[in-house]
Amino acid sequence: MTEKIKEIINNIRPYLNSDGGDIEFIKYEDNYVYVKLLGACMFCNYKDDTIKDNILIKIQEEIPEVKGIITVDL
């Protein structure tokens, strides 16, 4: 499961990189994906929309049991 999530995130990464941002996979636990936003994504006013409307949808298309994405600051 973890490898599939990482693969999906890696496919999304160029979209985020094009705006100066990035995303780092932290872990998958209890049907939630934990990620850290980097670069411009950390301060973007639309980061919640990007996560909910883009990243989560892409992950759930292939892994429907994922309930959500939690962003963490490490």
Protein backbone atom coordinates (compact mmCIF):
# COMPACT_ATOMS: atom_id res chain seq x y z
CA MET A 1 0.00 0.00 0.00
CA THR A 2 2.76 2.43 0.97
CA GLU A 3 4.61 1.94 -2.30
CA LYS A 4 1.44 2.59 -4.33
CA ILE A 5 0.78 5.82 -2.39
CA LYS A 6 4.37 6.95 -2.96
CA GLU A 7 3.98 6.23 -6.67
CA ILE A 8 0.81 8.33 -6.88
CA ILE A 9 2.46 11.19 -4.98
CA ASN A 10 5.48 11.02 -7.30
CA ASN A 11 3.13 11.35 -10.29
CA ILE A 12 1.59 14.47 -8.72
CA ARG A 13 4.93 15.99 -7.71
CA PRO A 14 5.72 17.70 -11.08
CA TYR A 15 2.44 19.65 -10.82
CA LEU A 16 3.47 20.97 -7.39
CA ASN A 17 7.09 21.56 -8.48
CA SER A 18 5.91 23.74 -11.35
CA ASP A 19 4.55 26.21 -8.78
CA GLY A 20 7.64 26.03 -6.55
CA GLY A 21 6.21 23.51 -4.10
CA ASP A 22 6.68 19.90 -3.20
CA ILE A 23 5.21 17.12 -1.08
CA GLU A 24 6.87 14.48 1.06
CA PHE A 25 5.22 11.21 2.04
CA ILE A 26 5.55 10.59 5.78
CA LYS A 27 3.45 7.48 6.49
CA TYR A 28 0.22 5.58 5.90
CA GLU A 29 -1.66 4.67 9.06
CA ASP A 30 -5.29 3.82 9.91
CA ASN A 31 -6.38 4.59 6.33
CA TYR A 32 -4.89 8.10 6.44
CA VAL A 33 -1.95 9.37 4.41
CA TYR A 34 0.42 11.69 6.27
CA VAL A 35 2.39 14.16 4.18
CA LYS A 36 4.55 17.22 4.63
CA LEU A 37 4.17 20.15 2.25
CA LEU A 38 7.37 21.87 1.20
CA GLY A 39 8.42 25.03 -0.59
CA ALA A 40 5.69 27.31 -1.87
CA CYS A 41 3.02 24.76 -0.87
CA MET A 42 3.71 25.44 2.80
CA PHE A 43 2.41 29.00 2.55
CA CYS A 44 -0.09 28.73 -0.29
CA ASN A 45 -3.62 29.93 0.44
CA TYR A 46 -4.97 27.05 -1.66
CA LYS A 47 -3.03 24.19 -0.06
CA ASP A 48 -6.14 22.69 1.56
CA ASP A 49 -7.94 22.76 -1.79
CA THR A 50 -4.95 21.17 -3.51
CA ILE A 51 -4.88 18.37 -0.97
CA LYS A 52 -8.63 17.75 -0.91
CA ASP A 53 -9.53 18.38 -4.54
CA ASN A 54 -6.45 17.00 -6.26
CA ILE A 55 -4.13 14.81 -4.23
CA LEU A 56 -6.79 12.99 -2.18
CA ILE A 57 -8.96 12.37 -5.25
CA LYS A 58 -5.99 10.90 -7.18
CA ILE A 59 -5.10 8.60 -4.30
CA GLN A 60 -8.71 7.51 -3.70
CA GLU A 61 -9.15 6.70 -7.40
CA GLU A 62 -6.63 3.90 -6.96
CA ILE A 63 -6.95 3.21 -3.23
CA PRO A 64 -10.58 3.84 -2.20
CA GLU A 65 -10.03 2.85 1.43
CA VAL A 66 -7.95 5.98 2.06
CA LYS A 67 -10.10 8.25 4.24
CA GLY A 68 -8.05 11.41 4.07
CA ILE A 69 -4.73 13.20 4.05
CA ILE A 70 -3.18 14.76 7.13
CA THR A 71 -0.45 17.36 6.76
CA VAL A 72 2.28 17.39 9.37
CA ASP A 73 5.01 19.84 10.25
CA LEU A 74 8.25 18.12 11.20
